[in-house]
């Protein structure tokens, strides 16, 4: 996972397991870019291309700043 910057946050592994039933690990990460955001990203192994293990297939972000 590559991000240009994080503001008082960090990446958190929320889930590792076989979501897409292909026998390989899939991942869900919490990756808030700043402390006033909730962002979750889904990576699936069945969508991976060439030498990659997984591919980002979905992302949702909710801002709750003032």
Protein backbone atom coordinates (compact mmCIF):
# COMPACT_ATOMS: atom_id res chain seq x y z
CA UNK A 1 0.00 0.00 0.00
CA UNK A 2 1.46 3.33 -1.06
CA UNK A 3 0.25 6.70 0.20
CA UNK A 4 1.87 10.08 -0.31
CA UNK A 5 1.27 11.17 3.28
CA UNK A 6 -0.60 10.49 6.49
CA UNK A 7 -1.58 13.16 9.03
CA UNK A 8 -1.50 11.77 12.59
CA UNK A 9 -2.75 8.35 11.41
CA UNK A 10 -1.45 4.91 10.47
CA UNK A 11 -2.39 1.86 8.40
CA UNK A 12 -4.23 -0.87 10.32
CA UNK A 13 -4.88 -4.43 9.15
CA UNK A 14 -8.57 -5.05 9.84
CA UNK A 15 -8.98 -8.48 8.20
CA UNK A 16 -6.92 -11.16 6.46
CA UNK A 17 -8.73 -14.18 5.03
CA UNK A 18 -10.15 -15.69 1.86
CA UNK A 19 -13.08 -13.43 0.92
CA UNK A 20 -13.29 -14.42 -2.75
CA UNK A 21 -12.93 -18.20 -2.18
CA UNK A 22 -9.84 -18.66 -4.38
CA UNK A 23 -7.68 -20.24 -1.66
CA UNK A 24 -5.47 -17.14 -1.27
CA UNK A 25 -5.42 -14.35 1.31
CA UNK A 26 -7.41 -11.16 0.79
CA UNK A 27 -7.03 -8.06 2.96
CA UNK A 28 -9.05 -5.20 4.39
CA UNK A 29 -7.05 -2.23 5.69
CA UNK A 30 -8.00 0.86 7.62
CA UNK A 31 -5.90 3.62 6.06
CA UNK A 32 -7.11 7.02 7.19
CA UNK A 33 -5.14 9.81 5.49
CA UNK A 34 -5.83 12.20 8.34
CA UNK A 35 -7.38 12.09 11.80
CA UNK A 36 -10.73 13.45 10.52
CA UNK A 37 -11.32 10.63 8.05
CA UNK A 38 -12.37 6.99 8.21
CA UNK A 39 -11.13 5.04 5.17
CA UNK A 40 -11.31 1.32 4.47
CA UNK A 41 -9.68 -0.43 1.47
CA UNK A 42 -10.37 -3.94 0.12
CA UNK A 43 -7.65 -5.95 -1.67
CA UNK A 44 -8.56 -9.21 -3.45
CA UNK A 45 -6.15 -11.89 -4.63
CA UNK A 46 -8.41 -13.09 -7.47
CA UNK A 47 -8.08 -9.68 -9.17
CA UNK A 48 -4.26 -9.52 -8.91
CA UNK A 49 -2.30 -8.94 -12.11
CA UNK A 50 1.02 -10.57 -13.10
CA UNK A 51 3.56 -10.51 -10.24
CA UNK A 52 1.23 -8.83 -7.72
CA UNK A 53 -0.32 -10.84 -4.91
CA UNK A 54 -3.47 -8.71 -4.51
CA UNK A 55 -5.21 -5.78 -6.20
CA UNK A 56 -7.13 -2.89 -4.66
CA UNK A 57 -10.74 -3.33 -5.74
CA UNK A 58 -12.71 -1.05 -3.43
CA UNK A 59 -12.27 1.96 -1.19
CA UNK A 60 -14.65 3.96 0.97
CA UNK A 61 -13.83 7.14 2.86
CA UNK A 62 -15.96 9.22 5.21
CA UNK A 63 -14.89 12.71 6.26
CA UNK A 64 -16.05 13.99 9.64
CA UNK A 65 -14.17 17.27 9.92
CA UNK A 66 -15.83 20.47 11.07
